[in-house]
């Protein structure tokens, strides 16, 4: 083998060995992501729904980790239990007679999708509200929500507050409304 080919082989070996060691380490690494049964996710969702239905911001916040946070529709985050209680208090102030229902739960590892609908009346106008949305949760080993990314149609909400009729789901979304925990 000439010197040029020797350098190519040696170079590949020198570059390749760290990559092989890294690949081997990754393959042997244990996955420390917490995973729990669907029943645990459903129980968490049911208890969280009940907490919202108490009307107590602190009860809602208790389902979050001490340093947990929620971001709704890519807005500013509410951090810590006091911030989450503040967020919940805002919803309670804006929606009189608020009733939350859980429309479904999906989970994978420590990630949970919580589908919900809330009904009530806009505090400022008295108009009836029916709002659908979901939260994407990262859940800790203690089954407390570490991070939540919440979503709902803010334009539809504003339209309902102003007196517009509840918008029905399109055919592509009907599965959300029909979702059942059983």
C-alpha atoms as a PDB file:
ATOM      1  CA  UNK A   1       0.000   0.000   0.000  1.00  0.00           C
ATOM      2  CA  UNK A   2       1.486   3.359  -0.935  1.00  0.00           C
ATOM      3  CA  UNK A   3       1.800   6.220   1.500  1.00  0.00           C
ATOM      4  CA  UNK A   4      -1.190   8.128   0.061  1.00  0.00           C
ATOM      5  CA  UNK A   5      -3.590   5.187   0.490  1.00  0.00           C
ATOM      6  CA  UNK A   6      -2.156   4.523   3.946  1.00  0.00           C
ATOM      7  CA  UNK A   7      -3.053   8.099   4.983  1.00  0.00           C
ATOM      8  CA  UNK A   8      -6.583   7.669   3.658  1.00  0.00           C
ATOM      9  CA  UNK A   9      -7.105   4.444   5.607  1.00  0.00           C
ATOM     10  CA  UNK A  10      -5.472   5.850   8.755  1.00  0.00           C
ATOM     11  CA  UNK A  11      -7.507   9.077   8.467  1.00  0.00           C
ATOM     12  CA  UNK A  12     -10.776   7.166   8.130  1.00  0.00           C
ATOM     13  CA  UNK A  13      -9.866   4.998  11.092  1.00  0.00           C
ATOM     14  CA  UNK A  14      -8.925   8.008  13.208  1.00  0.00           C
ATOM     15  CA  UNK A  15     -12.063   9.931  12.309  1.00  0.00           C
ATOM     16  CA  UNK A  16     -14.267   6.865  12.305  1.00  0.00           C
ATOM     17  CA  UNK A  17     -13.318   5.429  15.702  1.00  0.00           C
ATOM     18  CA  UNK A  18     -14.680   8.322  17.810  1.00  0.00           C
ATOM     19  CA  UNK A  19     -17.882   8.227  15.788  1.00  0.00           C
ATOM     20  CA  UNK A  20     -18.163   4.466  16.294  1.00  0.00           C
ATOM     21  CA  UNK A  21     -17.550   4.838  20.038  1.00  0.00           C
ATOM     22  CA  UNK A  22     -20.195   7.578  20.183  1.00  0.00           C
ATOM     23  CA  UNK A  23     -22.673   5.453  18.247  1.00  0.00           C
ATOM     24  CA  UNK A  24     -21.981   2.471  20.502  1.00  0.00           C
ATOM     25  CA  UNK A  25     -22.442   4.592  23.634  1.00  0.00           C
ATOM     26  CA  UNK A  26     -25.744   5.936  22.306  1.00  0.00           C
ATOM     27  CA  UNK A  27     -26.953   2.424  21.510  1.00  0.00           C
ATOM     28  CA  UNK A  28     -26.117   1.208  25.021  1.00  0.00           C
ATOM     29  CA  UNK A  29     -27.454   4.276  26.839  1.00  0.00           C
ATOM     30  CA  UNK A  30     -30.493   3.588  28.966  1.00  0.00           C
ATOM     31  CA  UNK A  31     -33.560   5.723  28.262  1.00  0.00           C
ATOM     32  CA  UNK A  32     -34.242   7.557  31.512  1.00  0.00           C
ATOM     33  CA  UNK A  33     -37.392   9.229  30.208  1.00  0.00           C
ATOM     34  CA  UNK A  34     -40.244   8.417  32.536  1.00  0.00           C
ATOM     35  CA  UNK A  35     -43.015   6.415  30.967  1.00  0.00           C
ATOM     36  CA  UNK A  36     -46.324   5.611  32.569  1.00  0.00           C
ATOM     37  CA  UNK A  37     -49.459   3.707  31.736  1.00  0.00           C
ATOM     38  CA  UNK A  38     -52.358   5.285  29.875  1.00  0.00           C
ATOM     39  CA  UNK A  39     -54.503   4.900  33.016  1.00  0.00           C
ATOM     40  CA  UNK A  40     -52.112   7.219  34.877  1.00  0.00           C
ATOM     41  CA  UNK A  41     -52.424   9.846  32.148  1.00  0.00           C
ATOM     42  CA  UNK A  42     -56.212   9.486  32.184  1.00  0.00           C
ATOM     43  CA  UNK A  43     -56.282   9.818  35.981  1.00  0.00           C
ATOM     44  CA  UNK A  44     -54.112  12.924  35.806  1.00  0.00           C
ATOM     45  CA  UNK A  45     -56.378  14.431  33.127  1.00  0.00           C
ATOM     46  CA  UNK A  46     -59.528  13.649  35.125  1.00  0.00           C
ATOM     47  CA  UNK A  47     -58.100  15.183  38.299  1.00  0.00           C
ATOM     48  CA  UNK A  48     -56.852  18.241  36.381  1.00  0.00           C
ATOM     49  CA  UNK A  49     -60.314  18.685  34.845  1.00  0.00           C
ATOM     50  CA  UNK A  50     -61.869  18.458  38.313  1.00  0.00           C
ATOM     51  CA  UNK A  51     -59.426  21.056  39.592  1.00  0.00           C
ATOM     52  CA  UNK A  52     -60.535  23.508  36.877  1.00  0.00           C
ATOM     53  CA  UNK A  53     -64.155  22.830  37.770  1.00  0.00           C
ATOM     54  CA  UNK A  54     -63.593  23.826  41.410  1.00  0.00           C
ATOM     55  CA  UNK A  55     -63.029  27.416  40.299  1.00  0.00           C
ATOM     56  CA  UNK A  56     -59.865  27.535  42.424  1.00  0.00           C
ATOM     57  CA  UNK A  57     -56.735  28.827  40.666  1.00  0.00           C
ATOM     58  CA  UNK A  58     -54.569  27.193  43.339  1.00  0.00           C
ATOM     59  CA  UNK A  59     -56.206  23.806  42.684  1.00  0.00           C
ATOM     60  CA  UNK A  60     -55.277  24.092  39.000  1.00  0.00           C
ATOM     61  CA  UNK A  61     -51.711  25.167  39.828  1.00  0.00           C
ATOM     62  CA  UNK A  62     -51.265  22.193  42.190  1.00  0.00           C
ATOM     63  CA  UNK A  63     -51.086  19.869  39.150  1.00  0.00           C
ATOM     64  CA  UNK A  64     -47.918  21.595  37.947  1.00  0.00           C
ATOM     65  CA  UNK A  65     -44.362  21.109  39.162  1.00  0.00           C
ATOM     66  CA  UNK A  66     -43.072  23.905  41.416  1.00  0.00           C
ATOM     67  CA  UNK A  67     -41.128  25.282  38.453  1.00  0.00           C
ATOM     68  CA  UNK A  68     -43.748  24.255  35.872  1.00  0.00           C
ATOM     69  CA  UNK A  69     -44.945  26.573  33.162  1.00  0.00           C
ATOM     70  CA  UNK A  70     -47.702  27.016  30.614  1.00  0.00           C
ATOM     71  CA  UNK A  71     -47.668  28.868  27.310  1.00  0.00           C
ATOM     72  CA  UNK A  72     -50.980  29.439  25.545  1.00  0.00           C
ATOM     73  CA  UNK A  73     -51.112  30.064  21.791  1.00  0.00           C
ATOM     74  CA  UNK A  74     -47.396  30.903  21.757  1.00  0.00           C
ATOM     75  CA  UNK A  75     -47.959  33.777  24.188  1.00  0.00           C
ATOM     76  CA  UNK A  76     -45.870  34.760  27.170  1.00  0.00           C
ATOM     77  CA  UNK A  77     -45.260  31.898  29.621  1.00  0.00           C
ATOM     78  CA  UNK A  78     -46.761  31.766  33.083  1.00  0.00           C
ATOM     79  CA  UNK A  79     -44.062  30.263  35.297  1.00  0.00           C
ATOM     80  CA  UNK A  80     -44.220  28.553  38.638  1.00  0.00           C
ATOM     81  CA  UNK A  81     -47.352  27.657  40.512  1.00  0.00           C
ATOM     82  CA  UNK A  82     -48.114  31.287  41.334  1.00  0.00           C
ATOM     83  CA  UNK A  83     -47.933  32.214  37.638  1.00  0.00           C
ATOM     84  CA  UNK A  84     -50.138  29.272  36.691  1.00  0.00           C
ATOM     85  CA  UNK A  85     -52.651  30.252  39.386  1.00  0.00           C
ATOM     86  CA  UNK A  86     -52.650  33.770  37.910  1.00  0.00           C
ATOM     87  CA  UNK A  87     -53.391  32.333  34.448  1.00  0.00           C
ATOM     88  CA  UNK A  88     -56.268  30.217  35.796  1.00  0.00           C
ATOM     89  CA  UNK A  89     -57.666  33.189  37.740  1.00  0.00           C
ATOM     90  CA  UNK A  90     -57.755  35.138  34.478  1.00  0.00           C
ATOM     91  CA  UNK A  91     -59.838  32.432  32.820  1.00  0.00           C
ATOM     92  CA  UNK A  92     -62.189  32.268  35.812  1.00  0.00           C
ATOM     93  CA  UNK A  93     -62.619  36.062  35.696  1.00  0.00           C
ATOM     94  CA  UNK A  94     -63.268  36.086  31.938  1.00  0.00           C
ATOM     95  CA  UNK A  95     -65.597  33.059  31.782  1.00  0.00           C
ATOM     96  CA  UNK A  96     -68.394  32.958  34.332  1.00  0.00           C
ATOM     97  CA  UNK A  97     -69.828  29.546  35.097  1.00  0.00           C
ATOM     98  CA  UNK A  98     -66.866  27.895  33.401  1.00  0.00           C
ATOM     99  CA  UNK A  99     -67.204  24.124  33.023  1.00  0.00           C
ATOM    100  CA  UNK A 100     -64.306  22.118  31.608  1.00  0.00           C
ATOM    101  CA  UNK A 101     -64.639  18.662  30.091  1.00  0.00           C
ATOM    102  CA  UNK A 102     -61.876  16.302  29.048  1.00  0.00           C
ATOM    103  CA  UNK A 103     -62.448  15.170  25.467  1.00  0.00           C
ATOM    104  CA  UNK A 104     -59.527  12.758  25.291  1.00  0.00           C
ATOM    105  CA  UNK A 105     -56.010  11.868  26.322  1.00  0.00           C
ATOM    106  CA  UNK A 106     -53.081  10.573  24.288  1.00  0.00           C
ATOM    107  CA  UNK A 107     -49.712   9.706  25.764  1.00  0.00           C
ATOM    108  CA  UNK A 108     -46.268   8.586  24.713  1.00  0.00           C
ATOM    109  CA  UNK A 109     -43.561   8.254  27.316  1.00  0.00           C
ATOM    110  CA  UNK A 110     -43.739  11.351  29.482  1.00  0.00           C
ATOM    111  CA  UNK A 111     -45.598  13.377  26.857  1.00  0.00           C
ATOM    112  CA  UNK A 112     -49.390  13.759  27.147  1.00  0.00           C
ATOM    113  CA  UNK A 113     -51.940  15.429  24.897  1.00  0.00           C
ATOM    114  CA  UNK A 114     -54.975  16.619  26.869  1.00  0.00           C
ATOM    115  CA  UNK A 115     -58.003  17.500  24.692  1.00  0.00           C
ATOM    116  CA  UNK A 116     -60.602  19.742  26.305  1.00  0.00           C
ATOM    117  CA  UNK A 117     -63.734  21.837  25.853  1.00  0.00           C
ATOM    118  CA  UNK A 118     -64.864  24.610  28.135  1.00  0.00           C
ATOM    119  CA  UNK A 119     -68.291  26.168  28.287  1.00  0.00           C
ATOM    120  CA  UNK A 120     -69.563  29.174  30.179  1.00  0.00           C
ATOM    121  CA  UNK A 121     -70.454  32.786  29.542  1.00  0.00           C
ATOM    122  CA  UNK A 122     -68.250  35.744  28.692  1.00  0.00           C
ATOM    123  CA  UNK A 123     -68.081  37.823  31.865  1.00  0.00           C
ATOM    124  CA  UNK A 124     -68.180  41.138  29.952  1.00  0.00           C
ATOM    125  CA  UNK A 125     -71.036  40.359  27.544  1.00  0.00           C
ATOM    126  CA  UNK A 126     -72.891  37.406  29.050  1.00  0.00           C
ATOM    127  CA  UNK A 127     -72.675  35.591  25.702  1.00  0.00           C
ATOM    128  CA  UNK A 128     -72.485  31.788  25.725  1.00  0.00           C
ATOM    129  CA  UNK A 129     -69.093  30.236  25.029  1.00  0.00           C
ATOM    130  CA  UNK A 130     -68.040  26.788  23.845  1.00  0.00           C
ATOM    131  CA  UNK A 131     -64.302  26.620  23.227  1.00  0.00           C
ATOM    132  CA  UNK A 132     -62.289  23.574  22.168  1.00  0.00           C
ATOM    133  CA  UNK A 133     -58.562  23.188  22.628  1.00  0.00           C
ATOM    134  CA  UNK A 134     -55.750  21.037  23.882  1.00  0.00           C
ATOM    135  CA  UNK A 135     -52.612  21.092  25.969  1.00  0.00           C
ATOM    136  CA  UNK A 136     -49.357  19.289  25.260  1.00  0.00           C
ATOM    137  CA  UNK A 137     -47.807  18.275  28.574  1.00  0.00           C
ATOM    138  CA  UNK A 138     -44.337  17.194  29.579  1.00  0.00           C
ATOM    139  CA  UNK A 139     -44.964  15.246  32.784  1.00  0.00           C
ATOM    140  CA  UNK A 140     -42.439  14.477  35.516  1.00  0.00           C
ATOM    141  CA  UNK A 141     -41.906  11.253  37.447  1.00  0.00           C
ATOM    142  CA  UNK A 142     -44.234  12.638  40.143  1.00  0.00           C
ATOM    143  CA  UNK A 143     -47.048  13.079  37.558  1.00  0.00           C
ATOM    144  CA  UNK A 144     -46.801  16.864  37.838  1.00  0.00           C
ATOM    145  CA  UNK A 145     -46.884  18.912  34.640  1.00  0.00           C
ATOM    146  CA  UNK A 146     -43.436  20.372  33.989  1.00  0.00           C
ATOM    147  CA  UNK A 147     -44.409  22.236  30.826  1.00  0.00           C
ATOM    148  CA  UNK A 148     -47.683  22.794  29.014  1.00  0.00           C
ATOM    149  CA  UNK A 149     -48.261  24.233  25.592  1.00  0.00           C
ATOM    150  CA  UNK A 150     -51.942  25.109  25.293  1.00  0.00           C
ATOM    151  CA  UNK A 151     -53.880  25.819  22.125  1.00  0.00           C
ATOM    152  CA  UNK A 152     -57.346  27.115  21.260  1.00  0.00           C
ATOM    153  CA  UNK A 153     -58.844  29.209  18.464  1.00  0.00           C
ATOM    154  CA  UNK A 154     -58.536  32.744  19.876  1.00  0.00           C
ATOM    155  CA  UNK A 155     -60.428  34.267  16.933  1.00  0.00           C
ATOM    156  CA  UNK A 156     -63.377  31.945  17.495  1.00  0.00           C
ATOM    157  CA  UNK A 157     -63.305  32.756  21.218  1.00  0.00           C
ATOM    158  CA  UNK A 158     -63.358  36.519  20.504  1.00  0.00           C
ATOM    159  CA  UNK A 159     -66.192  36.047  18.013  1.00  0.00           C
ATOM    160  CA  UNK A 160     -68.250  34.134  20.596  1.00  0.00           C
ATOM    161  CA  UNK A 161     -67.561  36.769  23.271  1.00  0.00           C
ATOM    162  CA  UNK A 162     -68.957  39.363  20.836  1.00  0.00           C
ATOM    163  CA  UNK A 163     -72.102  37.284  20.286  1.00  0.00           C
ATOM    164  CA  UNK A 164     -71.258  35.085  17.311  1.00  0.00           C
ATOM    165  CA  UNK A 165     -72.553  31.539  17.168  1.00  0.00           C
ATOM    166  CA  UNK A 166     -70.383  28.620  18.200  1.00  0.00           C
ATOM    167  CA  UNK A 167     -68.417  27.469  15.181  1.00  0.00           C
ATOM    168  CA  UNK A 168     -68.818  23.785  14.480  1.00  0.00           C
ATOM    169  CA  UNK A 169     -65.819  21.574  13.815  1.00  0.00           C
ATOM    170  CA  UNK A 170     -64.906  20.942  10.220  1.00  0.00           C
ATOM    171  CA  UNK A 171     -64.960  17.332   9.081  1.00  0.00           C
ATOM    172  CA  UNK A 172     -61.205  17.146   9.660  1.00  0.00           C
ATOM    173  CA  UNK A 173     -61.659  17.968  13.344  1.00  0.00           C
ATOM    174  CA  UNK A 174     -64.741  15.900  14.136  1.00  0.00           C
ATOM    175  CA  UNK A 175     -62.625  13.176  15.729  1.00  0.00           C
ATOM    176  CA  UNK A 176     -61.646  15.571  18.516  1.00  0.00           C
ATOM    177  CA  UNK A 177     -65.258  16.267  19.484  1.00  0.00           C
ATOM    178  CA  UNK A 178     -66.146  12.581  19.340  1.00  0.00           C
ATOM    179  CA  UNK A 179     -63.129  11.394  21.330  1.00  0.00           C
ATOM    180  CA  UNK A 180     -64.002   9.227  24.302  1.00  0.00           C
ATOM    181  CA  UNK A 181     -61.786   8.031  27.164  1.00  0.00           C
ATOM    182  CA  UNK A 182     -63.393   4.582  27.265  1.00  0.00           C
END
